[in-house]
Amino acid sequence: MTASEDIKPVLTPTKILKCRNAECKVWVRDEFATTEQTCPICKGPMIKSIKHLPAVQNKIKRQPRKPKSEFDF
């Protein structure tokens, strides 16, 4: 066993939307879902559910850099 196998992510109950179609395996985290609530693959209806997933750290959007002036050193 290696050190990377010993470390397991902490799973938390997460709200998801999953496709109602039994043949379609699509699901998406509720926080990333669109307001339409239709499956992005088969366009069928989505239902609310819960899945135990690792936490996602949303990245902070950077402010656009200001261009440097020719005279700034």
N, C-alpha and C. Protein backbone atom coordinates (compact mmCIF):
# COMPACT_ATOMS: atom_id res chain seq x y z
N MET A 1 0.84 -1.19 0.00
CA MET A 1 0.00 0.00 0.00
C MET A 1 0.88 1.25 0.00
N THR A 2 0.56 2.20 -0.84
CA THR A 2 1.34 3.43 -0.90
C THR A 2 0.67 4.50 -0.06
N ALA A 3 1.37 5.59 0.15
CA ALA A 3 0.84 6.68 0.96
C ALA A 3 -0.39 7.31 0.33
N SER A 4 -0.44 7.36 -1.01
CA SER A 4 -1.59 7.98 -1.68
C SER A 4 -2.85 7.14 -1.51
N GLU A 5 -2.72 5.84 -1.32
CA GLU A 5 -3.89 4.99 -1.11
C GLU A 5 -4.45 5.14 0.29
N ASP A 6 -3.62 5.55 1.24
CA ASP A 6 -4.07 5.71 2.62
C ASP A 6 -4.94 6.94 2.81
N ILE A 7 -4.73 7.97 2.01
CA ILE A 7 -5.47 9.22 2.15
C ILE A 7 -6.76 9.12 1.35
N LYS A 8 -7.89 9.21 2.05
CA LYS A 8 -9.19 9.15 1.38
C LYS A 8 -9.89 10.50 1.57
N PRO A 9 -10.56 10.99 0.54
CA PRO A 9 -11.26 12.28 0.68
C PRO A 9 -12.45 12.15 1.62
N VAL A 10 -12.76 13.25 2.28
CA VAL A 10 -13.93 13.30 3.16
C VAL A 10 -15.16 13.48 2.29
N LEU A 11 -16.12 12.57 2.43
CA LEU A 11 -17.34 12.64 1.64
C LEU A 11 -18.44 13.32 2.44
N THR A 12 -19.15 14.22 1.79
CA THR A 12 -20.26 14.92 2.43
C THR A 12 -21.51 14.74 1.59
N PRO A 13 -22.69 14.68 2.22
CA PRO A 13 -23.93 14.60 1.45
C PRO A 13 -24.09 15.87 0.60
N THR A 14 -24.27 15.68 -0.68
CA THR A 14 -24.35 16.79 -1.63
C THR A 14 -25.63 16.69 -2.43
N LYS A 15 -26.34 17.81 -2.57
CA LYS A 15 -27.56 17.83 -3.37
C LYS A 15 -27.18 17.75 -4.84
N ILE A 16 -27.85 16.85 -5.56
CA ILE A 16 -27.60 16.69 -6.99
C ILE A 16 -28.93 16.64 -7.74
N LEU A 17 -28.84 16.76 -9.04
CA LEU A 17 -29.95 16.51 -9.94
C LEU A 17 -29.51 15.35 -10.81
N LYS A 18 -30.35 14.30 -10.93
CA LYS A 18 -30.01 13.18 -11.80
C LYS A 18 -31.12 12.97 -12.80
N CYS A 19 -30.74 12.40 -13.93
CA CYS A 19 -31.69 12.18 -15.01
C CYS A 19 -32.70 11.11 -14.60
N ARG A 20 -33.95 11.36 -14.91
CA ARG A 20 -35.02 10.42 -14.56
C ARG A 20 -35.00 9.18 -15.45
N ASN A 21 -34.44 9.29 -16.64
CA ASN A 21 -34.35 8.18 -17.58
C ASN A 21 -33.39 7.12 -17.02
N ALA A 22 -33.85 5.88 -16.89
CA ALA A 22 -33.06 4.81 -16.28
C ALA A 22 -31.82 4.47 -17.09
N GLU A 23 -31.86 4.62 -18.42
CA GLU A 23 -30.71 4.30 -19.26
C GLU A 23 -29.65 5.41 -19.26
N CYS A 24 -30.05 6.63 -18.89
CA CYS A 24 -29.14 7.77 -18.87
C CYS A 24 -28.52 7.87 -17.47
N LYS A 25 -27.22 7.95 -17.38
CA LYS A 25 -26.52 7.97 -16.10
C LYS A 25 -26.06 9.36 -15.68
N VAL A 26 -26.59 10.40 -16.30
CA VAL A 26 -26.14 11.77 -16.05
C VAL A 26 -26.61 12.28 -14.70
N TRP A 27 -25.70 12.98 -13.99
CA TRP A 27 -26.07 13.70 -12.78
C TRP A 27 -25.18 14.94 -12.70
N VAL A 28 -25.65 15.95 -11.97
CA VAL A 28 -24.90 17.19 -11.83
C VAL A 28 -25.14 17.75 -10.43
N ARG A 29 -24.12 18.34 -9.85
CA ARG A 29 -24.29 18.98 -8.54
C ARG A 29 -25.32 20.11 -8.67
N ASP A 30 -26.15 20.26 -7.67
CA ASP A 30 -27.22 21.26 -7.69
C ASP A 30 -26.64 22.66 -7.86
N GLU A 31 -25.49 22.92 -7.24
CA GLU A 31 -24.90 24.25 -7.32
C GLU A 31 -24.40 24.59 -8.72
N PHE A 32 -24.19 23.59 -9.57
CA PHE A 32 -23.72 23.82 -10.94
C PHE A 32 -24.82 23.62 -11.98
N ALA A 33 -26.01 23.29 -11.56
CA ALA A 33 -27.11 23.01 -12.49
C ALA A 33 -27.71 24.30 -13.03
N THR A 34 -28.27 24.20 -14.23
CA THR A 34 -28.97 25.34 -14.81
C THR A 34 -30.39 25.40 -14.25
N THR A 35 -31.08 26.46 -14.47
CA THR A 35 -32.43 26.62 -13.96
C THR A 35 -33.44 25.79 -14.75
N GLU A 36 -33.06 25.31 -15.93
CA GLU A 36 -33.98 24.53 -16.78
C GLU A 36 -34.34 23.18 -16.17
N GLN A 37 -33.41 22.55 -15.49
CA GLN A 37 -33.57 21.23 -14.91
C GLN A 37 -33.94 20.18 -15.95
N THR A 38 -33.24 20.23 -17.09
CA THR A 38 -33.37 19.18 -18.10
C THR A 38 -32.00 18.56 -18.29
N CYS A 39 -31.99 17.29 -18.62
CA CYS A 39 -30.74 16.54 -18.80
C CYS A 39 -29.95 17.14 -19.97
N PRO A 40 -28.67 17.44 -19.77
CA PRO A 40 -27.88 18.02 -20.86
C PRO A 40 -27.60 17.02 -21.98
N ILE A 41 -27.75 15.72 -21.72
CA ILE A 41 -27.46 14.71 -22.73
C ILE A 41 -28.73 14.29 -23.49
N CYS A 42 -29.74 13.80 -22.74
CA CYS A 42 -30.94 13.26 -23.41
C CYS A 42 -32.12 14.24 -23.38
N LYS A 43 -31.96 15.38 -22.73
CA LYS A 43 -33.00 16.43 -22.63
C LYS A 43 -34.24 15.97 -21.87
N GLY A 44 -34.12 14.91 -21.08
CA GLY A 44 -35.23 14.42 -20.25
C GLY A 44 -35.30 15.19 -18.93
N PRO A 45 -36.31 14.91 -18.12
CA PRO A 45 -36.45 15.61 -16.84
C PRO A 45 -35.40 15.13 -15.83
N MET A 46 -35.03 16.04 -14.94
CA MET A 46 -34.07 15.73 -13.87
C MET A 46 -34.83 15.70 -12.54
N ILE A 47 -34.38 14.85 -11.60
CA ILE A 47 -34.99 14.78 -10.28
C ILE A 47 -33.92 15.07 -9.23
N LYS A 48 -34.37 15.62 -8.10
CA LYS A 48 -33.46 15.95 -7.01
C LYS A 48 -33.10 14.69 -6.24
N SER A 49 -31.84 14.63 -5.81
CA SER A 49 -31.36 13.50 -5.05
C SER A 49 -30.15 13.95 -4.22
N ILE A 50 -29.57 13.01 -3.48
CA ILE A 50 -28.38 13.29 -2.67
C ILE A 50 -27.34 12.22 -2.97
N LYS A 51 -26.09 12.65 -3.07
CA LYS A 51 -24.98 11.74 -3.32
C LYS A 51 -23.83 12.13 -2.39
N HIS A 52 -23.11 11.18 -1.87
CA HIS A 52 -21.97 11.47 -1.00
C HIS A 52 -20.74 11.68 -1.87
N LEU A 53 -20.26 12.93 -1.89
CA LEU A 53 -19.17 13.34 -2.76
C LEU A 53 -18.12 14.13 -1.99
N PRO A 54 -16.89 14.18 -2.51
CA PRO A 54 -15.89 15.06 -1.91
C PRO A 54 -16.30 16.52 -2.11
N ALA A 55 -15.93 17.36 -1.17
CA ALA A 55 -16.26 18.79 -1.28
C ALA A 55 -15.50 19.40 -2.44
N VAL A 56 -16.13 20.36 -3.09
CA VAL A 56 -15.50 21.09 -4.19
C VAL A 56 -15.18 22.48 -3.71
N GLN A 57 -13.94 22.90 -3.97
CA GLN A 57 -13.55 24.25 -3.60
C GLN A 57 -13.71 25.12 -4.83
N ASN A 58 -14.69 26.02 -4.78
CA ASN A 58 -14.92 26.91 -5.91
C ASN A 58 -13.78 27.92 -5.95
N LYS A 59 -13.17 28.06 -7.12
CA LYS A 59 -12.05 28.97 -7.28
C LYS A 59 -12.56 30.40 -7.36
N ILE A 60 -11.81 31.29 -6.76
CA ILE A 60 -12.15 32.71 -6.80
C ILE A 60 -11.69 33.28 -8.13
N LYS A 61 -12.60 33.98 -8.79
CA LYS A 61 -12.24 34.58 -10.07
C LYS A 61 -11.28 35.73 -9.83
N ARG A 62 -10.21 35.74 -10.60
CA ARG A 62 -9.22 36.80 -10.47
C ARG A 62 -9.71 38.07 -11.13
N GLN A 63 -9.26 39.18 -10.58
CA GLN A 63 -9.55 40.47 -11.19
C GLN A 63 -8.64 40.62 -12.40
N PRO A 64 -9.13 41.18 -13.49
CA PRO A 64 -8.26 41.36 -14.66
C PRO A 64 -7.09 42.27 -14.32
N ARG A 65 -5.94 41.93 -14.85
CA ARG A 65 -4.75 42.73 -14.59
C ARG A 65 -4.81 44.02 -15.39
N LYS A 66 -4.31 45.06 -14.74
CA LYS A 66 -4.24 46.34 -15.44
C LYS A 66 -2.98 46.36 -16.29
N PRO A 67 -3.06 46.88 -17.50
CA PRO A 67 -1.85 46.92 -18.32
C PRO A 67 -0.79 47.83 -17.71
N LYS A 68 0.44 47.38 -17.84
CA LYS A 68 1.55 48.20 -17.31
C LYS A 68 1.83 49.38 -18.24
N SER A 69 2.09 50.48 -17.63
CA SER A 69 2.42 51.66 -18.40
C SER A 69 3.87 51.55 -18.88
N GLU A 70 4.19 52.23 -19.93
CA GLU A 70 5.57 52.20 -20.45
C GLU A 70 6.54 52.81 -19.47
N PHE A 71 6.07 53.71 -18.62
CA PHE A 71 6.97 54.46 -17.76
C PHE A 71 7.07 53.87 -16.35
N ASP A 72 6.34 52.80 -16.02
CA ASP A 72 6.42 52.17 -14.70
C ASP A 72 7.60 51.20 -14.68
N PHE A 73 8.43 51.32 -13.68
CA PHE A 73 9.54 50.39 -13.53
C PHE A 73 9.44 49.66 -12.25
